Every structure is written in structure tokens, then in C-alpha cells.
Amino acid sequence: MRGGTVARALSERTGLTVTSLKVTVGSVRAPTQPARRRPVRVTPPKDAVDEELERIRGSFPPGQEETARRLASLMALYRVRFPGR
């Protein structure tokens, strides 16, 4: 019943033109979002990592063993996650 008064007060305070109000009686809930699934952690087997490391070991200069091992782990993970590619 006081919609006009509230609309005028909002217009004066915000500087925006308020033409109408919608009043809801009761509690208003935010729309629910579907639950997010947690990603499944895939760990490649150690022998697959060692196999990939042997394949790429010659491509890295001395002192870059850790980088080579990390790349080998990534390559093994890719093969586990996407078999046949």
C-alpha cells in the first residue's frame, strides 16, 4: 500500500527512475545452484612415468632431470587419462 512512497524515496536517494515495486511476503531464498562435482584425481603408475622418462631423457641437457621427470609424469598422466591417443 506504500509502494508509491517507497518508489519516490528510492528515486530521490538513488537518482534512478523507479516506476514500480514488487513486494514479496515471507522469506526470499537465493536460487540454488547444482552441487559441483569434485574432479577425480588420476595418478599415473610409476612404471609408466619411468617408461616416458626413458623416452625423453636424451632431449634434456644435464641438470634438467627434474624438468624431464615432470614432463614424463605429465605424458604418462595423459596416456592414462586419454587411452588410445
PDB file of N, CA and C in Angstrom:
ATOM      1  N   MET A   1       0.812  -1.178   0.000  1.00  0.00           N
ATOM      2  CA  MET A   1       0.000   0.000   0.000  1.00  0.00           C
ATOM      3  C   MET A   1       0.869   1.260   0.000  1.00  0.00           C
ATOM      4  N   ARG A   2       2.135   1.131   0.364  1.00  0.00           N
ATOM      5  CA  ARG A   2       3.008   2.297   0.385  1.00  0.00           C
ATOM      6  C   ARG A   2       3.980   2.242  -0.777  1.00  0.00           C
ATOM      7  N   GLY A   3       3.640   1.545  -1.833  1.00  0.00           N
ATOM      8  CA  GLY A   3       4.537   1.384  -2.973  1.00  0.00           C
ATOM      9  C   GLY A   3       4.957   2.698  -3.598  1.00  0.00           C
ATOM     10  N   GLY A   4       4.030   3.623  -3.732  1.00  0.00           N
ATOM     11  CA  GLY A   4       4.337   4.926  -4.313  1.00  0.00           C
ATOM     12  C   GLY A   4       5.322   5.715  -3.468  1.00  0.00           C
ATOM     13  N   THR A   5       5.122   5.661  -2.159  1.00  0.00           N
ATOM     14  CA  THR A   5       6.018   6.381  -1.257  1.00  0.00           C
ATOM     15  C   THR A   5       7.423   5.801  -1.308  1.00  0.00           C
ATOM     16  N   VAL A   6       7.516   4.471  -1.310  1.00  0.00           N
ATOM     17  CA  VAL A   6       8.815   3.810  -1.358  1.00  0.00           C
ATOM     18  C   VAL A   6       9.491   4.086  -2.700  1.00  0.00           C
ATOM     19  N   ALA A   7       8.754   4.032  -3.794  1.00  0.00           N
ATOM     20  CA  ALA A   7       9.324   4.303  -5.119  1.00  0.00           C
ATOM     21  C   ALA A   7       9.864   5.720  -5.201  1.00  0.00           C
ATOM     22  N   ARG A   8       9.120   6.692  -4.683  1.00  0.00           N
ATOM     23  CA  ARG A   8       9.599   8.086  -4.689  1.00  0.00           C
ATOM     24  C   ARG A   8      10.853   8.243  -3.839  1.00  0.00           C
ATOM     25  N   ALA A   9      10.871   7.616  -2.680  1.00  0.00           N
ATOM     26  CA  ALA A   9      12.044   7.712  -1.800  1.00  0.00           C
ATOM     27  C   ALA A   9      13.275   7.089  -2.463  1.00  0.00           C
ATOM     28  N   LEU A  10      13.095   5.967  -3.136  1.00  0.00           N
ATOM     29  CA  LEU A  10      14.212   5.349  -3.860  1.00  0.00           C
ATOM     30  C   LEU A  10      14.693   6.240  -4.993  1.00  0.00           C
ATOM     31  N   SER A  11      13.779   6.825  -5.704  1.00  0.00           N
ATOM     32  CA  SER A  11      14.143   7.725  -6.800  1.00  0.00           C
ATOM     33  C   SER A  11      14.949   8.914  -6.283  1.00  0.00           C
ATOM     34  N   GLU A  12      14.518   9.478  -5.171  1.00  0.00           N
ATOM     35  CA  GLU A  12      15.224  10.636  -4.612  1.00  0.00           C
ATOM     36  C   GLU A  12      16.612  10.265  -4.095  1.00  0.00           C
ATOM     37  N   ARG A  13      16.728   9.113  -3.446  1.00  0.00           N
ATOM     38  CA  ARG A  13      18.011   8.710  -2.868  1.00  0.00           C
ATOM     39  C   ARG A  13      19.016   8.234  -3.898  1.00  0.00           C
ATOM     40  N   THR A  14      18.562   7.534  -4.921  1.00  0.00           N
ATOM     41  CA  THR A  14      19.498   6.930  -5.886  1.00  0.00           C
ATOM     42  C   THR A  14      19.648   7.743  -7.154  1.00  0.00           C
ATOM     43  N   GLY A  15      18.686   8.590  -7.459  1.00  0.00           N
ATOM     44  CA  GLY A  15      18.730   9.339  -8.706  1.00  0.00           C
ATOM     45  C   GLY A  15      18.236   8.521  -9.882  1.00  0.00           C
ATOM     46  N   LEU A  16      17.762   7.332  -9.635  1.00  0.00           N
ATOM     47  CA  LEU A  16      17.208   6.468 -10.686  1.00  0.00           C
ATOM     48  C   LEU A  16      15.696   6.623 -10.731  1.00  0.00           C
ATOM     49  N   THR A  17      15.129   6.341 -11.872  1.00  0.00           N
ATOM     50  CA  THR A  17      13.684   6.402 -12.001  1.00  0.00           C
ATOM     51  C   THR A  17      13.098   5.050 -11.623  1.00  0.00           C
ATOM     52  N   VAL A  18      12.377   5.006 -10.532  1.00  0.00           N
ATOM     53  CA  VAL A  18      11.729   3.779 -10.077  1.00  0.00           C
ATOM     54  C   VAL A  18      10.264   3.898 -10.443  1.00  0.00           C
ATOM     55  N   THR A  19       9.800   2.979 -11.297  1.00  0.00           N
ATOM     56  CA  THR A  19       8.418   3.060 -11.767  1.00  0.00           C
ATOM     57  C   THR A  19       7.488   2.065 -11.082  1.00  0.00           C
ATOM     58  N   SER A  20       8.059   0.975 -10.541  1.00  0.00           N
ATOM     59  CA  SER A  20       7.188   0.006  -9.884  1.00  0.00           C
ATOM     60  C   SER A  20       7.983  -0.797  -8.862  1.00  0.00           C
ATOM     61  N   LEU A  21       7.273  -1.430  -7.977  1.00  0.00           N
ATOM     62  CA  LEU A  21       7.845  -2.291  -6.950  1.00  0.00           C
ATOM     63  C   LEU A  21       7.111  -3.606  -6.949  1.00  0.00           C
ATOM     64  N   LYS A  22       7.827  -4.653  -6.598  1.00  0.00           N
ATOM     65  CA  LYS A  22       7.180  -5.945  -6.421  1.00  0.00           C
ATOM     66  C   LYS A  22       7.440  -6.367  -4.985  1.00  0.00           C
ATOM     67  N   VAL A  23       6.394  -6.577  -4.230  1.00  0.00           N
ATOM     68  CA  VAL A  23       6.503  -6.913  -2.823  1.00  0.00           C
ATOM     69  C   VAL A  23       6.268  -8.399  -2.664  1.00  0.00           C
ATOM     70  N   THR A  24       7.159  -9.053  -1.944  1.00  0.00           N
ATOM     71  CA  THR A  24       7.033 -10.478  -1.668  1.00  0.00           C
ATOM     72  C   THR A  24       6.895 -10.650  -0.166  1.00  0.00           C
ATOM     73  N   VAL A  25       5.889 -11.371   0.245  1.00  0.00           N
ATOM     74  CA  VAL A  25       5.661 -11.609   1.665  1.00  0.00           C
ATOM     75  C   VAL A  25       6.320 -12.934   2.019  1.00  0.00           C
ATOM     76  N   GLY A  26       7.090 -12.926   3.079  1.00  0.00           N
ATOM     77  CA  GLY A  26       7.778 -14.145   3.504  1.00  0.00           C
ATOM     78  C   GLY A  26       9.264 -14.026   3.237  1.00  0.00           C
ATOM     79  N   SER A  27       9.946 -15.146   3.397  1.00  0.00           N
ATOM     80  CA  SER A  27      11.394 -15.130   3.199  1.00  0.00           C
ATOM     81  C   SER A  27      11.723 -15.393   1.729  1.00  0.00           C
ATOM     82  N   VAL A  28      12.755 -14.751   1.281  1.00  0.00           N
ATOM     83  CA  VAL A  28      13.187 -14.902  -0.102  1.00  0.00           C
ATOM     84  C   VAL A  28      14.499 -15.676  -0.078  1.00  0.00           C
ATOM     85  N   ARG A  29      14.568 -16.759  -0.819  1.00  0.00           N
ATOM     86  CA  ARG A  29      15.773 -17.582  -0.879  1.00  0.00           C
ATOM     87  C   ARG A  29      16.487 -17.348  -2.191  1.00  0.00           C
ATOM     88  N   ALA A  30      17.781 -17.392  -2.112  1.00  0.00           N
ATOM     89  CA  ALA A  30      18.583 -17.285  -3.331  1.00  0.00           C
ATOM     90  C   ALA A  30      18.403 -18.560  -4.143  1.00  0.00           C
ATOM     91  N   PRO A  31      18.433 -18.446  -5.467  1.00  0.00           N
ATOM     92  CA  PRO A  31      18.294 -19.655  -6.273  1.00  0.00           C
ATOM     93  C   PRO A  31      19.436 -20.622  -5.980  1.00  0.00           C
ATOM     94  N   THR A  32      19.101 -21.873  -5.893  1.00  0.00           N
ATOM     95  CA  THR A  32      20.127 -22.877  -5.596  1.00  0.00           C
ATOM     96  C   THR A  32      20.848 -23.268  -6.870  1.00  0.00           C
ATOM     97  N   GLN A  33      22.142 -23.503  -6.724  1.00  0.00           N
ATOM     98  CA  GLN A  33      22.951 -23.952  -7.844  1.00  0.00           C
ATOM     99  C   GLN A  33      23.220 -25.434  -7.663  1.00  0.00           C
ATOM    100  N   PRO A  34      23.343 -26.151  -8.765  1.00  0.00           N
ATOM    101  CA  PRO A  34      23.623 -27.580  -8.623  1.00  0.00           C
ATOM    102  C   PRO A  34      24.975 -27.800  -7.953  1.00  0.00           C
ATOM    103  N   ALA A  35      25.072 -28.860  -7.195  1.00  0.00           N
ATOM    104  CA  ALA A  35      26.320 -29.167  -6.499  1.00  0.00           C
ATOM    105  C   ALA A  35      27.426 -29.444  -7.514  1.00  0.00           C
ATOM    106  N   ARG A  36      28.584 -28.874  -7.242  1.00  0.00           N
ATOM    107  CA  ARG A  36      29.721 -29.079  -8.143  1.00  0.00           C
ATOM    108  C   ARG A  36      30.407 -30.377  -7.780  1.00  0.00           C
ATOM    109  N   ARG A  37      30.682 -31.158  -8.797  1.00  0.00           N
ATOM    110  CA  ARG A  37      31.384 -32.410  -8.562  1.00  0.00           C
ATOM    111  C   ARG A  37      32.870 -32.143  -8.429  1.00  0.00           C
ATOM    112  N   ARG A  38      33.480 -32.831  -7.521  1.00  0.00           N
ATOM    113  CA  ARG A  38      34.921 -32.709  -7.369  1.00  0.00           C
ATOM    114  C   ARG A  38      35.598 -33.551  -8.446  1.00  0.00           C
ATOM    115  N   PRO A  39      36.652 -33.016  -9.040  1.00  0.00           N
ATOM    116  CA  PRO A  39      37.343 -33.789 -10.067  1.00  0.00           C
ATOM    117  C   PRO A  39      38.045 -35.002  -9.449  1.00  0.00           C
ATOM    118  N   VAL A  40      38.079 -36.068 -10.215  1.00  0.00           N
ATOM    119  CA  VAL A  40      38.733 -37.289  -9.776  1.00  0.00           C
ATOM    120  C   VAL A  40      40.227 -37.143 -10.039  1.00  0.00           C
ATOM    121  N   ARG A  41      41.027 -37.401  -9.038  1.00  0.00           N
ATOM    122  CA  ARG A  41      42.476 -37.282  -9.192  1.00  0.00           C
ATOM    123  C   ARG A  41      43.001 -38.556  -9.837  1.00  0.00           C
ATOM    124  N   VAL A  42      43.688 -38.388 -10.945  1.00  0.00           N
ATOM    125  CA  VAL A  42      44.265 -39.519 -11.676  1.00  0.00           C
ATOM    126  C   VAL A  42      45.774 -39.473 -11.476  1.00  0.00           C
ATOM    127  N   THR A  43      46.337 -40.562 -10.994  1.00  0.00           N
ATOM    128  CA  THR A  43      47.778 -40.648 -10.778  1.00  0.00           C
ATOM    129  C   THR A  43      48.332 -41.735 -11.681  1.00  0.00           C
ATOM    130  N   PRO A  44      49.309 -41.396 -12.520  1.00  0.00           N
ATOM    131  CA  PRO A  44      49.874 -42.413 -13.404  1.00  0.00           C
ATOM    132  C   PRO A  44      50.746 -43.387 -12.612  1.00  0.00           C
ATOM    133  N   PRO A  45      50.816 -44.644 -13.034  1.00  0.00           N
ATOM    134  CA  PRO A  45      51.687 -45.606 -12.353  1.00  0.00           C
ATOM    135  C   PRO A  45      53.154 -45.209 -12.503  1.00  0.00           C
ATOM    136  N   LYS A  46      53.967 -45.545 -11.505  1.00  0.00           N
ATOM    137  CA  LYS A  46      55.378 -45.170 -11.507  1.00  0.00           C
ATOM    138  C   LYS A  46      56.113 -45.771 -12.693  1.00  0.00           C
ATOM    139  N   ASP A  47      55.787 -46.997 -13.063  1.00  0.00           N
ATOM    140  CA  ASP A  47      56.478 -47.623 -14.198  1.00  0.00           C
ATOM    141  C   ASP A  47      56.156 -46.902 -15.509  1.00  0.00           C
ATOM    142  N   ALA A  48      54.948 -46.340 -15.628  1.00  0.00           N
ATOM    143  CA  ALA A  48      54.597 -45.576 -16.835  1.00  0.00           C
ATOM    144  C   ALA A  48      55.392 -44.270 -16.888  1.00  0.00           C
ATOM    145  N   VAL A  49      55.608 -43.655 -15.721  1.00  0.00           N
ATOM    146  CA  VAL A  49      56.405 -42.429 -15.668  1.00  0.00           C
ATOM    147  C   VAL A  49      57.852 -42.742 -16.032  1.00  0.00           C
ATOM    148  N   ASP A  50      58.393 -43.841 -15.476  1.00  0.00           N
ATOM    149  CA  ASP A  50      59.770 -44.229 -15.778  1.00  0.00           C
ATOM    150  C   ASP A  50      59.945 -44.541 -17.261  1.00  0.00           C
ATOM    151  N   GLU A  51      58.942 -45.183 -17.864  1.00  0.00           N
ATOM    152  CA  GLU A  51      58.990 -45.502 -19.298  1.00  0.00           C
ATOM    153  C   GLU A  51      59.038 -44.220 -20.139  1.00  0.00           C
ATOM    154  N   GLU A  52      58.190 -43.265 -19.799  1.00  0.00           N
ATOM    155  CA  GLU A  52      58.180 -41.989 -20.525  1.00  0.00           C
ATOM    156  C   GLU A  52      59.494 -41.226 -20.299  1.00  0.00           C
ATOM    157  N   LEU A  53      60.043 -41.326 -19.097  1.00  0.00           N
ATOM    158  CA  LEU A  53      61.300 -40.648 -18.798  1.00  0.00           C
ATOM    159  C   LEU A  53      62.434 -41.193 -19.660  1.00  0.00           C
ATOM    160  N   GLU A  54      62.465 -42.483 -19.841  1.00  0.00           N
ATOM    161  CA  GLU A  54      63.496 -43.086 -20.700  1.00  0.00           C
ATOM    162  C   GLU A  54      63.348 -42.618 -22.145  1.00  0.00           C
ATOM    163  N   ARG A  55      62.125 -42.413 -22.587  1.00  0.00           N
ATOM    164  CA  ARG A  55      61.890 -41.949 -23.970  1.00  0.00           C
ATOM    165  C   ARG A  55      62.405 -40.537 -24.195  1.00  0.00           C
ATOM    166  N   ILE A  56      62.282 -39.664 -23.189  1.00  0.00           N
ATOM    167  CA  ILE A  56      62.609 -38.252 -23.406  1.00  0.00           C
ATOM    168  C   ILE A  56      63.914 -37.817 -22.759  1.00  0.00           C
ATOM    169  N   ARG A  57      64.592 -38.711 -22.044  1.00  0.00           N
ATOM    170  CA  ARG A  57      65.777 -38.333 -21.276  1.00  0.00           C
ATOM    171  C   ARG A  57      66.836 -37.647 -22.144  1.00  0.00           C
ATOM    172  N   GLY A  58      67.070 -38.092 -23.356  1.00  0.00           N
ATOM    173  CA  GLY A  58      68.088 -37.520 -24.223  1.00  0.00           C
ATOM    174  C   GLY A  58      67.750 -36.124 -24.732  1.00  0.00           C
ATOM    175  N   SER A  59      66.524 -35.693 -24.587  1.00  0.00           N
ATOM    176  CA  SER A  59      66.107 -34.379 -25.080  1.00  0.00           C
ATOM    177  C   SER A  59      66.429 -33.248 -24.111  1.00  0.00           C
ATOM    178  N   PHE A  60      66.861 -33.575 -22.888  1.00  0.00           N
ATOM    179  CA  PHE A  60      67.122 -32.561 -21.868  1.00  0.00           C
ATOM    180  C   PHE A  60      68.607 -32.513 -21.545  1.00  0.00           C
ATOM    181  N   PRO A  61      69.137 -31.307 -21.360  1.00  0.00           N
ATOM    182  CA  PRO A  61      70.555 -31.181 -21.006  1.00  0.00           C
ATOM    183  C   PRO A  61      70.804 -31.630 -19.567  1.00  0.00           C
ATOM    184  N   PRO A  62      72.052 -31.928 -19.215  1.00  0.00           N
ATOM    185  CA  PRO A  62      72.358 -32.295 -17.824  1.00  0.00           C
ATOM    186  C   PRO A  62      71.914 -31.184 -16.874  1.00  0.00           C
ATOM    187  N   GLY A  63      71.431 -31.571 -15.713  1.00  0.00           N
ATOM    188  CA  GLY A  63      70.940 -30.601 -14.739  1.00  0.00           C
ATOM    189  C   GLY A  63      69.448 -30.337 -14.856  1.00  0.00           C
ATOM    190  N   GLN A  64      68.815 -30.885 -15.845  1.00  0.00           N
ATOM    191  CA  GLN A  64      67.366 -30.676 -16.044  1.00  0.00           C
ATOM    192  C   GLN A  64      66.577 -31.960 -15.786  1.00  0.00           C
ATOM    193  N   GLU A  65      67.097 -32.813 -14.894  1.00  0.00           N
ATOM    194  CA  GLU A  65      66.434 -34.098 -14.637  1.00  0.00           C
ATOM    195  C   GLU A  65      65.038 -33.917 -14.044  1.00  0.00           C
ATOM    196  N   GLU A  66      64.896 -32.938 -13.144  1.00  0.00           N
ATOM    197  CA  GLU A  66      63.588 -32.713 -12.522  1.00  0.00           C
ATOM    198  C   GLU A  66      62.559 -32.261 -13.556  1.00  0.00           C
ATOM    199  N   THR A  67      62.975 -31.419 -14.481  1.00  0.00           N
ATOM    200  CA  THR A  67      62.071 -30.966 -15.539  1.00  0.00           C
ATOM    201  C   THR A  67      61.674 -32.144 -16.422  1.00  0.00           C
ATOM    202  N   ALA A  68      62.648 -32.989 -16.746  1.00  0.00           N
ATOM    203  CA  ALA A  68      62.365 -34.170 -17.567  1.00  0.00           C
ATOM    204  C   ALA A  68      61.403 -35.105 -16.845  1.00  0.00           C
ATOM    205  N   ARG A  69      61.598 -35.306 -15.542  1.00  0.00           N
ATOM    206  CA  ARG A  69      60.709 -36.193 -14.774  1.00  0.00           C
ATOM    207  C   ARG A  69      59.293 -35.626 -14.712  1.00  0.00           C
ATOM    208  N   ARG A  70      59.157 -34.342 -14.553  1.00  0.00           N
ATOM    209  CA  ARG A  70      57.819 -33.730 -14.507  1.00  0.00           C
ATOM    210  C   ARG A  70      57.107 -33.846 -15.853  1.00  0.00           C
ATOM    211  N   LEU A  71      57.860 -33.647 -16.938  1.00  0.00           N
ATOM    212  CA  LEU A  71      57.255 -33.814 -18.257  1.00  0.00           C
ATOM    213  C   LEU A  71      56.865 -35.264 -18.483  1.00  0.00           C
ATOM    214  N   ALA A  72      57.712 -36.196 -18.056  1.00  0.00           N
ATOM    215  CA  ALA A  72      57.402 -37.619 -18.190  1.00  0.00           C
ATOM    216  C   ALA A  72      56.146 -37.971 -17.400  1.00  0.00           C
ATOM    217  N   SER A  73      56.004 -37.382 -16.206  1.00  0.00           N
ATOM    218  CA  SER A  73      54.811 -37.620 -15.403  1.00  0.00           C
ATOM    219  C   SER A  73      53.571 -37.089 -16.105  1.00  0.00           C
ATOM    220  N   LEU A  74      53.691 -35.910 -16.703  1.00  0.00           N
ATOM    221  CA  LEU A  74      52.564 -35.331 -17.437  1.00  0.00           C
ATOM    222  C   LEU A  74      52.192 -36.186 -18.646  1.00  0.00           C
ATOM    223  N   MET A  75      53.203 -36.678 -19.347  1.00  0.00           N
ATOM    224  CA  MET A  75      52.935 -37.529 -20.519  1.00  0.00           C
ATOM    225  C   MET A  75      52.269 -38.842 -20.100  1.00  0.00           C
ATOM    226  N   ALA A  76      52.729 -39.436 -18.997  1.00  0.00           N
ATOM    227  CA  ALA A  76      52.126 -40.672 -18.503  1.00  0.00           C
ATOM    228  C   ALA A  76      50.693 -40.423 -18.051  1.00  0.00           C
ATOM    229  N   LEU A  77      50.469 -39.298 -17.408  1.00  0.00           N
ATOM    230  CA  LEU A  77      49.118 -38.941 -16.979  1.00  0.00           C
ATOM    231  C   LEU A  77      48.195 -38.801 -18.182  1.00  0.00           C
ATOM    232  N   TYR A  78      48.674 -38.169 -19.230  1.00  0.00           N
ATOM    233  CA  TYR A  78      47.880 -38.004 -20.449  1.00  0.00           C
ATOM    234  C   TYR A  78      47.513 -39.359 -21.032  1.00  0.00           C
ATOM    235  N   ARG A  79      48.464 -40.272 -21.051  1.00  0.00           N
ATOM    236  CA  ARG A  79      48.189 -41.614 -21.602  1.00  0.00           C
ATOM    237  C   ARG A  79      47.178 -42.382 -20.759  1.00  0.00           C
ATOM    238  N   VAL A  80      47.225 -42.180 -19.422  1.00  0.00           N
ATOM    239  CA  VAL A  80      46.251 -42.843 -18.555  1.00  0.00           C
ATOM    240  C   VAL A  80      44.880 -42.219 -18.727  1.00  0.00           C
ATOM    241  N   ARG A  81      44.858 -40.894 -18.785  1.00  0.00           N
ATOM    242  CA  ARG A  81      43.577 -40.174 -18.848  1.00  0.00           C
ATOM    243  C   ARG A  81      42.899 -40.301 -20.200  1.00  0.00           C
ATOM    244  N   PHE A  82      43.691 -40.336 -21.278  1.00  0.00           N
ATOM    245  CA  PHE A  82      43.158 -40.434 -22.633  1.00  0.00           C
ATOM    246  C   PHE A  82      43.787 -41.620 -23.354  1.00  0.00           C
ATOM    247  N   PRO A  83      43.383 -42.838 -23.012  1.00  0.00           N
ATOM    248  CA  PRO A  83      43.997 -44.008 -23.634  1.00  0.00           C
ATOM    249  C   PRO A  83      43.687 -44.066 -25.131  1.00  0.00           C
ATOM    250  N   GLY A  84      44.625 -44.579 -25.887  1.00  0.00           N
ATOM    251  CA  GLY A  84      44.421 -44.747 -27.328  1.00  0.00           C
ATOM    252  C   GLY A  84      44.774 -43.532 -28.153  1.00  0.00           C
ATOM    253  N   ARG A  85      45.260 -42.500 -27.545  1.00  0.00           N
ATOM    254  CA  ARG A  85      45.627 -41.290 -28.307  1.00  0.00           C
ATOM    255  C   ARG A  85      47.098 -41.203 -28.481  1.00  0.00           C
TER     256      ARG A  85
END
